[in-house]
Amino acid sequence: MKVFSISFWFIKLPLFCFVAFILWFIPWVFLLYSGLLIYFPYESDGKSRYIRITGPVVGVFSPHSWSTYDDIPKACKAALIAAEDNRFYQHNGVDFESLKASFITNQKIGKKKRGGSTITQQLVKNAFLSRKKSYLRKSREIIGAFILDGIMLKDQQLEWYFNVVEFGPNIYGLENAAQKYFKTEAHKLTPSQCISLVAIIPSPKKWNQSLVTQKPTLFFLQRYKKILNTIQKMGILNNKDLVIARNYKAINGKVQSDIALPDKVKLPDNTEKESESIDDFDDIDDYENSVNY
């Protein structure tokens, strides 16, 4: 290769750089089909990362490290769809209506607070990208979501999501979360436990304190009720499970008869929150949108 030739500087090098950028820009979601994912989740400090290996292949050798689609309770799936992506089974990996609304909101306030991410996009971000808020990362996330939705069934996406998503500091995957918070296996989770776990997903390091301390805050209960009401409106869970979920039983499986699920309220001063942004929002709906970028 002649480094000082015209063809090198104006043809070969630019072409090489372009190909390298494309290879970096597109998240390699095809790897999920191998049944093995090696990725880099965050440590408890939220900055440093470590290597984690997961997937159906790992589950064959370590049954308690992977939850199959059939092992994930219907209530968990319903809660996730109700909380994070109402149109999950209708869109092609990206919900453009939600993205448009998020972009308009971000432009108005001059900050990247709303993301409009679908479950598919969140899976791509959690498995292949960083948490850094930028339009470049969002673009990669969207491209990856389109590709993933084109090659993987929705049910498979849910299975991968529940096994990759974070539920607290160094707590990744539904099986780990079930063991950590409720001392049980994922397939034995009750409807109220499922909703409680999904309720903390947008900001697990902050919101998991309701489960850790076994003292649910007003903010947590209000989010719990919102998810439950959405599930009921969408008709994606049977009446028996809905009745069980309304008798709030997340804490160690015991009914908390003295806890009333509240109506929509303003955020209280002691809300589990991210201190740098909570004051910018009036209620739980705005705050949930801000942390799910």
C-alpha atoms as a PDB file:
ATOM      1  CA  MET A   1       0.000   0.000   0.000  1.00  0.00           C
ATOM      2  CA  LYS A   2       1.468   3.304  -1.077  1.00  0.00           C
ATOM      3  CA  VAL A   3       0.772   5.670   1.792  1.00  0.00           C
ATOM      4  CA  PHE A   4       1.778   8.734  -0.174  1.00  0.00           C
ATOM      5  CA  SER A   5      -0.301   7.924  -3.244  1.00  0.00           C
ATOM      6  CA  ILE A   6      -3.346   9.970  -4.233  1.00  0.00           C
ATOM      7  CA  SER A   7      -5.561   6.860  -4.373  1.00  0.00           C
ATOM      8  CA  PHE A   8      -4.709   6.034  -0.741  1.00  0.00           C
ATOM      9  CA  TRP A   9      -5.638   9.437   0.680  1.00  0.00           C
ATOM     10  CA  PHE A  10      -8.699  10.138  -1.477  1.00  0.00           C
ATOM     11  CA  ILE A  11     -10.139   6.661  -2.072  1.00  0.00           C
ATOM     12  CA  LYS A  12      -8.817   3.847   0.100  1.00  0.00           C
ATOM     13  CA  LEU A  13      -8.493   5.687   3.420  1.00  0.00           C
ATOM     14  CA  PRO A  14     -11.913   7.431   3.209  1.00  0.00           C
ATOM     15  CA  LEU A  15     -13.511   4.122   2.201  1.00  0.00           C
ATOM     16  CA  PHE A  16     -11.832   2.332   5.099  1.00  0.00           C
ATOM     17  CA  CYS A  17     -12.980   5.007   7.542  1.00  0.00           C
ATOM     18  CA  PHE A  18     -16.531   4.840   6.177  1.00  0.00           C
ATOM     19  CA  VAL A  19     -16.703   1.058   6.545  1.00  0.00           C
ATOM     20  CA  ALA A  20     -15.233   1.245  10.056  1.00  0.00           C
ATOM     21  CA  PHE A  21     -17.854   3.840  11.035  1.00  0.00           C
ATOM     22  CA  ILE A  22     -20.688   1.710   9.669  1.00  0.00           C
ATOM     23  CA  LEU A  23     -19.416  -1.355  11.540  1.00  0.00           C
ATOM     24  CA  TRP A  24     -19.292   0.698  14.754  1.00  0.00           C
ATOM     25  CA  PHE A  25     -22.541   2.575  14.176  1.00  0.00           C
ATOM     26  CA  ILE A  26     -24.759  -0.493  13.717  1.00  0.00           C
ATOM     27  CA  PRO A  27     -25.287  -2.439  16.969  1.00  0.00           C
ATOM     28  CA  TRP A  28     -24.573  -6.098  16.312  1.00  0.00           C
ATOM     29  CA  VAL A  29     -27.990  -7.366  17.331  1.00  0.00           C
ATOM     30  CA  PHE A  30     -27.457 -10.403  15.090  1.00  0.00           C
ATOM     31  CA  LEU A  31     -25.304 -11.805  17.888  1.00  0.00           C
ATOM     32  CA  LEU A  32     -28.415 -12.439  19.985  1.00  0.00           C
ATOM     33  CA  TYR A  33     -29.332 -15.239  17.622  1.00  0.00           C
ATOM     34  CA  SER A  34     -26.238 -17.130  18.724  1.00  0.00           C
ATOM     35  CA  GLY A  35     -27.886 -17.540  22.125  1.00  0.00           C
ATOM     36  CA  LEU A  36     -24.890 -15.962  23.812  1.00  0.00           C
ATOM     37  CA  LEU A  37     -24.337 -12.327  24.710  1.00  0.00           C
ATOM     38  CA  ILE A  38     -21.157 -10.859  26.133  1.00  0.00           C
ATOM     39  CA  TYR A  39     -21.852  -7.279  27.148  1.00  0.00           C
ATOM     40  CA  PHE A  40     -20.756  -4.615  29.613  1.00  0.00           C
ATOM     41  CA  PRO A  41     -23.342  -3.632  32.242  1.00  0.00           C
ATOM     42  CA  TYR A  42     -22.624  -0.907  34.777  1.00  0.00           C
ATOM     43  CA  GLU A  43     -21.205  -1.326  38.252  1.00  0.00           C
ATOM     44  CA  SER A  44     -23.083   0.104  41.238  1.00  0.00           C
ATOM     45  CA  ASP A  45     -21.314   3.452  40.790  1.00  0.00           C
ATOM     46  CA  GLY A  46     -23.102   3.903  37.462  1.00  0.00           C
ATOM     47  CA  LYS A  47     -19.865   4.717  35.630  1.00  0.00           C
ATOM     48  CA  SER A  48     -17.468   1.780  35.489  1.00  0.00           C
ATOM     49  CA  ARG A  49     -18.507  -1.379  33.665  1.00  0.00           C
ATOM     50  CA  TYR A  50     -17.777  -5.087  33.867  1.00  0.00           C
ATOM     51  CA  ILE A  51     -18.173  -8.114  31.604  1.00  0.00           C
ATOM     52  CA  ARG A  52     -21.349 -10.180  31.898  1.00  0.00           C
ATOM     53  CA  ILE A  53     -22.125 -13.290  29.881  1.00  0.00           C
ATOM     54  CA  THR A  54     -25.746 -14.336  29.460  1.00  0.00           C
ATOM     55  CA  GLY A  55     -28.129 -15.986  27.033  1.00  0.00           C
ATOM     56  CA  PRO A  56     -30.083 -19.225  26.513  1.00  0.00           C
ATOM     57  CA  VAL A  57     -26.806 -21.082  25.996  1.00  0.00           C
ATOM     58  CA  VAL A  58     -25.608 -20.040  29.455  1.00  0.00           C
ATOM     59  CA  GLY A  59     -28.992 -21.052  30.845  1.00  0.00           C
ATOM     60  CA  VAL A  60     -28.421 -24.627  29.709  1.00  0.00           C
ATOM     61  CA  PHE A  61     -25.410 -24.916  32.016  1.00  0.00           C
ATOM     62  CA  SER A  62     -26.713 -22.596  34.738  1.00  0.00           C
ATOM     63  CA  PRO A  63     -30.530 -22.897  34.906  1.00  0.00           C
ATOM     64  CA  HIS A  64     -30.921 -20.176  37.529  1.00  0.00           C
ATOM     65  CA  SER A  65     -29.151 -17.536  35.437  1.00  0.00           C
ATOM     66  CA  TRP A  66     -31.648 -17.341  32.573  1.00  0.00           C
ATOM     67  CA  SER A  67     -35.448 -17.049  32.481  1.00  0.00           C
ATOM     68  CA  THR A  68     -37.058 -18.498  29.360  1.00  0.00           C
ATOM     69  CA  TYR A  69     -40.109 -16.814  27.860  1.00  0.00           C
ATOM     70  CA  ASP A  70     -42.378 -19.479  29.375  1.00  0.00           C
ATOM     71  CA  ASP A  71     -40.750 -19.014  32.805  1.00  0.00           C
ATOM     72  CA  ILE A  72     -41.503 -15.287  32.835  1.00  0.00           C
ATOM     73  CA  PRO A  73     -44.931 -14.762  34.483  1.00  0.00           C
ATOM     74  CA  LYS A  74     -47.659 -13.252  32.319  1.00  0.00           C
ATOM     75  CA  ALA A  75     -48.053 -10.502  34.900  1.00  0.00           C
ATOM     76  CA  CYS A  76     -44.424  -9.441  34.389  1.00  0.00           C
ATOM     77  CA  LYS A  77     -44.861  -9.252  30.623  1.00  0.00           C
ATOM     78  CA  ALA A  78     -48.130  -7.333  30.976  1.00  0.00           C
ATOM     79  CA  ALA A  79     -46.586  -4.902  33.460  1.00  0.00           C
ATOM     80  CA  LEU A  80     -43.614  -4.204  31.202  1.00  0.00           C
ATOM     81  CA  ILE A  81     -45.778  -3.511  28.158  1.00  0.00           C
ATOM     82  CA  ALA A  82     -48.160  -1.332  30.179  1.00  0.00           C
ATOM     83  CA  ALA A  83     -45.341   0.661  31.758  1.00  0.00           C
ATOM     84  CA  GLU A  84     -42.819   0.995  28.951  1.00  0.00           C
ATOM     85  CA  ASP A  85     -44.383   0.385  25.552  1.00  0.00           C
ATOM     86  CA  ASN A  86     -48.171   0.196  25.084  1.00  0.00           C
ATOM     87  CA  ARG A  87     -47.819  -0.365  21.340  1.00  0.00           C
ATOM     88  CA  PHE A  88     -45.097  -3.012  21.573  1.00  0.00           C
ATOM     89  CA  TYR A  89     -46.909  -5.531  19.383  1.00  0.00           C
ATOM     90  CA  GLN A  90     -47.992  -2.909  16.837  1.00  0.00           C
ATOM     91  CA  HIS A  91     -44.793  -1.029  15.900  1.00  0.00           C
ATOM     92  CA  ASN A  92     -41.688  -2.211  14.034  1.00  0.00           C
ATOM     93  CA  GLY A  93     -39.260  -1.635  16.861  1.00  0.00           C
ATOM     94  CA  VAL A  94     -39.597   2.163  16.889  1.00  0.00           C
ATOM     95  CA  ASP A  95     -42.629   4.239  17.875  1.00  0.00           C
ATOM     96  CA  PHE A  96     -42.334   7.364  15.753  1.00  0.00           C
ATOM     97  CA  GLU A  97     -45.247   9.109  17.463  1.00  0.00           C
ATOM     98  CA  SER A  98     -43.481   8.833  20.795  1.00  0.00           C
ATOM     99  CA  LEU A  99     -40.150   9.899  19.277  1.00  0.00           C
ATOM    100  CA  LYS A 100     -41.756  12.957  17.710  1.00  0.00           C
ATOM    101  CA  ALA A 101     -43.347  13.981  21.008  1.00  0.00           C
ATOM    102  CA  SER A 102     -40.031  13.488  22.803  1.00  0.00           C
ATOM    103  CA  PHE A 103     -38.112  15.542  20.250  1.00  0.00           C
ATOM    104  CA  ILE A 104     -40.595  18.423  20.486  1.00  0.00           C
ATOM    105  CA  THR A 105     -40.436  18.375  24.287  1.00  0.00           C
ATOM    106  CA  ASN A 106     -36.634  18.326  24.288  1.00  0.00           C
ATOM    107  CA  GLN A 107     -36.521  21.248  21.876  1.00  0.00           C
ATOM    108  CA  LYS A 108     -38.873  23.286  24.051  1.00  0.00           C
ATOM    109  CA  ILE A 109     -36.958  22.785  27.280  1.00  0.00           C
ATOM    110  CA  GLY A 110     -33.529  22.755  25.642  1.00  0.00           C
ATOM    111  CA  LYS A 111     -32.490  19.502  27.327  1.00  0.00           C
ATOM    112  CA  LYS A 112     -32.437  15.801  26.382  1.00  0.00           C
ATOM    113  CA  LYS A 113     -34.934  14.632  28.991  1.00  0.00           C
ATOM    114  CA  ARG A 114     -37.474  12.560  27.055  1.00  0.00           C
ATOM    115  CA  GLY A 115     -36.396   9.606  24.942  1.00  0.00           C
ATOM    116  CA  GLY A 116     -39.531   7.877  23.664  1.00  0.00           C
ATOM    117  CA  SER A 117     -37.736   4.524  23.638  1.00  0.00           C
ATOM    118  CA  THR A 118     -39.628   1.318  22.922  1.00  0.00           C
ATOM    119  CA  ILE A 119     -38.894  -1.983  24.652  1.00  0.00           C
ATOM    120  CA  THR A 120     -36.910  -2.994  21.558  1.00  0.00           C
ATOM    121  CA  GLN A 121     -34.830   0.187  21.694  1.00  0.00           C
ATOM    122  CA  GLN A 122     -34.186  -0.258  25.400  1.00  0.00           C
ATOM    123  CA  LEU A 123     -32.986  -3.813  24.756  1.00  0.00           C
ATOM    124  CA  VAL A 124     -30.548  -2.575  22.117  1.00  0.00           C
ATOM    125  CA  LYS A 125     -29.290   0.164  24.427  1.00  0.00           C
ATOM    126  CA  ASN A 126     -28.880  -2.126  27.443  1.00  0.00           C
ATOM    127  CA  ALA A 127     -27.066  -4.830  25.469  1.00  0.00           C
ATOM    128  CA  PHE A 128     -24.904  -2.808  23.076  1.00  0.00           C
ATOM    129  CA  LEU A 129     -24.751   0.893  23.935  1.00  0.00           C
ATOM    130  CA  SER A 130     -23.927   3.243  26.792  1.00  0.00           C
ATOM    131  CA  ARG A 131     -26.226   5.397  28.910  1.00  0.00           C
ATOM    132  CA  LYS A 132     -24.817   8.644  27.579  1.00  0.00           C
ATOM    133  CA  LYS A 133     -27.652  10.848  26.350  1.00  0.00           C
ATOM    134  CA  SER A 134     -26.942  11.999  22.804  1.00  0.00           C
ATOM    135  CA  TYR A 135     -28.680  12.038  19.455  1.00  0.00           C
ATOM    136  CA  LEU A 136     -25.873   9.894  18.025  1.00  0.00           C
ATOM    137  CA  ARG A 137     -26.546   7.159  20.571  1.00  0.00           C
ATOM    138  CA  LYS A 138     -30.277   7.513  19.951  1.00  0.00           C
ATOM    139  CA  SER A 139     -29.672   7.091  16.211  1.00  0.00           C
ATOM    140  CA  ARG A 140     -27.680   3.901  16.791  1.00  0.00           C
ATOM    141  CA  GLU A 141     -30.421   2.686  19.113  1.00  0.00           C
ATOM    142  CA  ILE A 142     -33.097   3.276  16.465  1.00  0.00           C
ATOM    143  CA  ILE A 143     -31.125   1.534  13.710  1.00  0.00           C
ATOM    144  CA  GLY A 144     -30.487  -1.418  16.008  1.00  0.00           C
ATOM    145  CA  ALA A 145     -34.172  -1.597  16.972  1.00  0.00           C
ATOM    146  CA  PHE A 146     -35.265  -1.732  13.334  1.00  0.00           C
ATOM    147  CA  ILE A 147     -32.824  -4.534  12.595  1.00  0.00           C
ATOM    148  CA  LEU A 148     -33.675  -6.464  15.750  1.00  0.00           C
ATOM    149  CA  ASP A 149     -37.408  -6.251  15.129  1.00  0.00           C
ATOM    150  CA  GLY A 150     -36.841  -7.504  11.599  1.00  0.00           C
ATOM    151  CA  ILE A 151     -34.983 -10.632  12.670  1.00  0.00           C
ATOM    152  CA  MET A 152     -36.478 -11.487  16.066  1.00  0.00           C
ATOM    153  CA  LEU A 153     -40.025 -12.218  17.203  1.00  0.00           C
ATOM    154  CA  LYS A 154     -41.576  -9.940  19.822  1.00  0.00           C
ATOM    155  CA  ASP A 155     -41.747 -12.742  22.380  1.00  0.00           C
ATOM    156  CA  GLN A 156     -38.022 -13.383  21.948  1.00  0.00           C
ATOM    157  CA  GLN A 157     -37.348  -9.690  22.459  1.00  0.00           C
ATOM    158  CA  LEU A 158     -39.251  -9.784  25.753  1.00  0.00           C
ATOM    159  CA  GLU A 159     -37.249 -12.811  26.879  1.00  0.00           C
ATOM    160  CA  TRP A 160     -33.948 -11.084  26.141  1.00  0.00           C
ATOM    161  CA  TYR A 161     -35.130  -7.834  27.720  1.00  0.00           C
ATOM    162  CA  PHE A 162     -36.068  -9.452  31.024  1.00  0.00           C
ATOM    163  CA  ASN A 163     -32.700 -11.180  31.188  1.00  0.00           C
ATOM    164  CA  VAL A 164     -30.590  -8.117  30.384  1.00  0.00           C
ATOM    165  CA  VAL A 165     -32.394  -5.199  32.041  1.00  0.00           C
ATOM    166  CA  GLU A 166     -31.114  -3.710  35.302  1.00  0.00           C
ATOM    167  CA  PHE A 167     -33.211  -3.975  38.474  1.00  0.00           C
ATOM    168  CA  GLY A 168     -30.776  -2.327  40.859  1.00  0.00           C
ATOM    169  CA  PRO A 169     -27.040  -1.975  41.587  1.00  0.00           C
ATOM    170  CA  ASN A 170     -25.359  -5.053  40.061  1.00  0.00           C
ATOM    171  CA  ILE A 171     -28.766  -6.740  39.719  1.00  0.00           C
ATOM    172  CA  TYR A 172     -29.288  -7.720  36.095  1.00  0.00           C
ATOM    173  CA  GLY A 173     -32.019 -10.008  34.845  1.00  0.00           C
ATOM    174  CA  LEU A 174     -35.383 -11.061  36.260  1.00  0.00           C
ATOM    175  CA  GLU A 175     -34.021 -14.181  37.939  1.00  0.00           C
ATOM    176  CA  ASN A 176     -31.440 -12.195  39.893  1.00  0.00           C
ATOM    177  CA  ALA A 177     -34.052  -9.604  40.847  1.00  0.00           C
ATOM    178  CA  ALA A 178     -36.517 -12.244  42.058  1.00  0.00           C
ATOM    179  CA  GLN A 179     -33.836 -13.816  44.245  1.00  0.00           C
ATOM    180  CA  LYS A 180     -32.571 -10.478  45.552  1.00  0.00           C
ATOM    181  CA  TYR A 181     -35.849  -8.793  46.472  1.00  0.00           C
ATOM    182  CA  PHE A 182     -38.272 -11.660  47.096  1.00  0.00           C
ATOM    183  CA  LYS A 183     -36.116 -14.732  47.792  1.00  0.00           C
ATOM    184  CA  THR A 184     -37.905 -16.710  45.110  1.00  0.00           C
ATOM    185  CA  GLU A 185     -37.477 -17.880  41.522  1.00  0.00           C
ATOM    186  CA  ALA A 186     -38.627 -15.766  38.598  1.00  0.00           C
ATOM    187  CA  HIS A 187     -41.402 -18.127  37.518  1.00  0.00           C
ATOM    188  CA  LYS A 188     -42.906 -17.960  41.017  1.00  0.00           C
ATOM    189  CA  LEU A 189     -43.251 -14.175  41.103  1.00  0.00           C
ATOM    190  CA  THR A 190     -46.735 -12.956  42.033  1.00  0.00           C
ATOM    191  CA  PRO A 191     -48.571 -10.293  39.983  1.00  0.00           C
ATOM    192  CA  SER A 192     -47.826  -7.618  42.582  1.00  0.00           C
ATOM    193  CA  GLN A 193     -44.159  -8.577  42.679  1.00  0.00           C
ATOM    194  CA  CYS A 194     -43.999  -8.388  38.874  1.00  0.00           C
ATOM    195  CA  ILE A 195     -45.512  -4.910  38.836  1.00  0.00           C
ATOM    196  CA  SER A 196     -43.195  -3.796  41.629  1.00  0.00           C
ATOM    197  CA  LEU A 197     -40.098  -4.917  39.713  1.00  0.00           C
ATOM    198  CA  VAL A 198     -41.237  -3.258  36.502  1.00  0.00           C
ATOM    199  CA  ALA A 199     -42.091  -0.101  38.448  1.00  0.00           C
ATOM    200  CA  ILE A 200     -38.433   0.475  39.351  1.00  0.00           C
ATOM    201  CA  ILE A 201     -36.970  -0.151  35.866  1.00  0.00           C
ATOM    202  CA  PRO A 202     -36.734   3.493  34.706  1.00  0.00           C
ATOM    203  CA  SER A 203     -34.411   4.380  37.594  1.00  0.00           C
ATOM    204  CA  PRO A 204     -33.645   1.176  39.536  1.00  0.00           C
ATOM    205  CA  LYS A 205     -30.805   2.532  41.667  1.00  0.00           C
ATOM    206  CA  LYS A 206     -33.162   5.162  43.108  1.00  0.00           C
ATOM    207  CA  TRP A 207     -36.550   3.533  43.076  1.00  0.00           C
ATOM    208  CA  ASN A 208     -35.517   0.094  44.363  1.00  0.00           C
ATOM    209  CA  GLN A 209     -35.332   1.463  47.903  1.00  0.00           C
ATOM    210  CA  SER A 210     -39.041   0.778  48.308  1.00  0.00           C
ATOM    211  CA  LEU A 211     -38.246  -2.911  47.897  1.00  0.00           C
ATOM    212  CA  VAL A 212     -34.956  -2.880  49.798  1.00  0.00           C
ATOM    213  CA  THR A 213     -36.383  -1.130  52.871  1.00  0.00           C
ATOM    214  CA  GLN A 214     -39.792  -2.824  52.537  1.00  0.00           C
ATOM    215  CA  LYS A 215     -41.343   0.614  53.035  1.00  0.00           C
ATOM    216  CA  PRO A 216     -42.927   1.699  49.720  1.00  0.00           C
ATOM    217  CA  THR A 217     -42.960   5.435  49.216  1.00  0.00           C
ATOM    218  CA  LEU A 218     -45.958   7.381  47.977  1.00  0.00           C
ATOM    219  CA  PHE A 219     -44.167   7.872  44.660  1.00  0.00           C
ATOM    220  CA  PHE A 220     -43.579   4.119  44.251  1.00  0.00           C
ATOM    221  CA  LEU A 221     -47.187   3.269  45.108  1.00  0.00           C
ATOM    222  CA  GLN A 222     -48.511   5.865  42.703  1.00  0.00           C
ATOM    223  CA  ARG A 223     -46.397   4.454  39.892  1.00  0.00           C
ATOM    224  CA  TYR A 224     -47.512   0.936  40.863  1.00  0.00           C
ATOM    225  CA  LYS A 225     -51.145   1.999  40.600  1.00  0.00           C
ATOM    226  CA  LYS A 226     -50.571   3.697  37.259  1.00  0.00           C
ATOM    227  CA  ILE A 227     -49.100   0.516  35.780  1.00  0.00           C
ATOM    228  CA  LEU A 228     -51.905  -1.588  37.248  1.00  0.00           C
ATOM    229  CA  ASN A 229     -54.586   0.701  35.839  1.00  0.00           C
ATOM    230  CA  THR A 230     -52.943   0.653  32.402  1.00  0.00           C
ATOM    231  CA  ILE A 231     -52.855  -3.148  32.459  1.00  0.00           C
ATOM    232  CA  GLN A 232     -56.573  -3.189  33.220  1.00  0.00           C
ATOM    233  CA  LYS A 233     -57.410  -0.681  30.472  1.00  0.00           C
ATOM    234  CA  MET A 234     -55.406  -2.654  27.919  1.00  0.00           C
ATOM    235  CA  GLY A 235     -57.042  -5.928  28.977  1.00  0.00           C
ATOM    236  CA  ILE A 236     -53.761  -7.854  28.955  1.00  0.00           C
ATOM    237  CA  LEU A 237     -54.129  -9.667  32.269  1.00  0.00           C
ATOM    238  CA  ASN A 238     -56.920 -11.854  33.632  1.00  0.00           C
ATOM    239  CA  ASN A 239     -59.239 -10.667  36.402  1.00  0.00           C
ATOM    240  CA  LYS A 240     -57.840 -13.093  38.972  1.00  0.00           C
ATOM    241  CA  ASP A 241     -54.332 -11.652  38.666  1.00  0.00           C
ATOM    242  CA  LEU A 242     -55.711  -8.110  38.673  1.00  0.00           C
ATOM    243  CA  VAL A 243     -57.506  -8.731  41.959  1.00  0.00           C
ATOM    244  CA  ILE A 244     -54.318 -10.192  43.461  1.00  0.00           C
ATOM    245  CA  ALA A 245     -52.296  -7.209  42.259  1.00  0.00           C
ATOM    246  CA  ARG A 246     -54.735  -4.741  43.809  1.00  0.00           C
ATOM    247  CA  ASN A 247     -54.143  -6.375  47.202  1.00  0.00           C
ATOM    248  CA  TYR A 248     -50.603  -4.997  47.250  1.00  0.00           C
ATOM    249  CA  LYS A 249     -48.402  -7.997  48.158  1.00  0.00           C
ATOM    250  CA  ALA A 250     -44.953  -7.038  46.893  1.00  0.00           C
ATOM    251  CA  ILE A 251     -43.207  -6.899  50.245  1.00  0.00           C
ATOM    252  CA  ASN A 252     -42.265 -10.476  51.147  1.00  0.00           C
ATOM    253  CA  GLY A 253     -45.533 -11.669  49.631  1.00  0.00           C
ATOM    254  CA  LYS A 254     -47.596 -10.260  52.514  1.00  0.00           C
ATOM    255  CA  VAL A 255     -50.714  -8.178  52.026  1.00  0.00           C
ATOM    256  CA  GLN A 256     -50.129  -4.626  53.169  1.00  0.00           C
ATOM    257  CA  SER A 257     -53.692  -3.888  54.202  1.00  0.00           C
ATOM    258  CA  ASP A 258     -52.806  -0.479  55.562  1.00  0.00           C
ATOM    259  CA  ILE A 259     -51.436   0.725  52.225  1.00  0.00           C
ATOM    260  CA  ALA A 260     -53.878   2.535  49.960  1.00  0.00           C
ATOM    261  CA  LEU A 261     -52.840   2.897  46.349  1.00  0.00           C
ATOM    262  CA  PRO A 262     -52.990   6.668  45.825  1.00  0.00           C
ATOM    263  CA  ASP A 263     -54.513   8.710  43.051  1.00  0.00           C
ATOM    264  CA  LYS A 264     -52.331  10.970  40.917  1.00  0.00           C
ATOM    265  CA  VAL A 265     -50.509  13.392  43.172  1.00  0.00           C
ATOM    266  CA  LYS A 266     -47.777  15.968  43.032  1.00  0.00           C
ATOM    267  CA  LEU A 267     -44.335  14.598  43.801  1.00  0.00           C
ATOM    268  CA  PRO A 268     -43.663  14.699  47.540  1.00  0.00           C
ATOM    269  CA  ASP A 269     -40.457  16.116  48.980  1.00  0.00           C
ATOM    270  CA  ASN A 270     -39.175  12.685  50.013  1.00  0.00           C
ATOM    271  CA  THR A 271     -39.755  11.055  46.637  1.00  0.00           C
ATOM    272  CA  GLU A 272     -37.103   8.646  45.361  1.00  0.00           C
ATOM    273  CA  LYS A 273     -35.562  10.877  42.783  1.00  0.00           C
ATOM    274  CA  GLU A 274     -32.587  11.995  40.800  1.00  0.00           C
ATOM    275  CA  SER A 275     -31.787  15.265  42.498  1.00  0.00           C
ATOM    276  CA  GLU A 276     -30.502  17.014  39.418  1.00  0.00           C
ATOM    277  CA  SER A 277     -33.774  16.802  37.536  1.00  0.00           C
ATOM    278  CA  ILE A 278     -36.749  16.223  39.805  1.00  0.00           C
ATOM    279  CA  ASP A 279     -37.580  19.884  40.296  1.00  0.00           C
ATOM    280  CA  ASP A 280     -38.219  20.295  36.583  1.00  0.00           C
ATOM    281  CA  PHE A 281     -41.332  18.112  36.670  1.00  0.00           C
ATOM    282  CA  ASP A 282     -44.827  18.530  38.051  1.00  0.00           C
ATOM    283  CA  ASP A 283     -45.903  14.915  38.462  1.00  0.00           C
ATOM    284  CA  ILE A 284     -44.978  11.288  37.959  1.00  0.00           C
ATOM    285  CA  ASP A 285     -45.828  11.181  34.239  1.00  0.00           C
ATOM    286  CA  ASP A 286     -43.295  13.869  33.370  1.00  0.00           C
ATOM    287  CA  TYR A 287     -40.651  12.361  35.626  1.00  0.00           C
ATOM    288  CA  GLU A 288     -41.034   8.840  34.196  1.00  0.00           C
ATOM    289  CA  ASN A 289     -40.536  10.210  30.686  1.00  0.00           C
ATOM    290  CA  SER A 290     -37.381  12.016  31.774  1.00  0.00           C
ATOM    291  CA  VAL A 291     -35.543   8.974  33.114  1.00  0.00           C
ATOM    292  CA  ASN A 292     -36.425   6.680  30.211  1.00  0.00           C
ATOM    293  CA  TYR A 293     -34.173   8.325  27.636  1.00  0.00           C
END
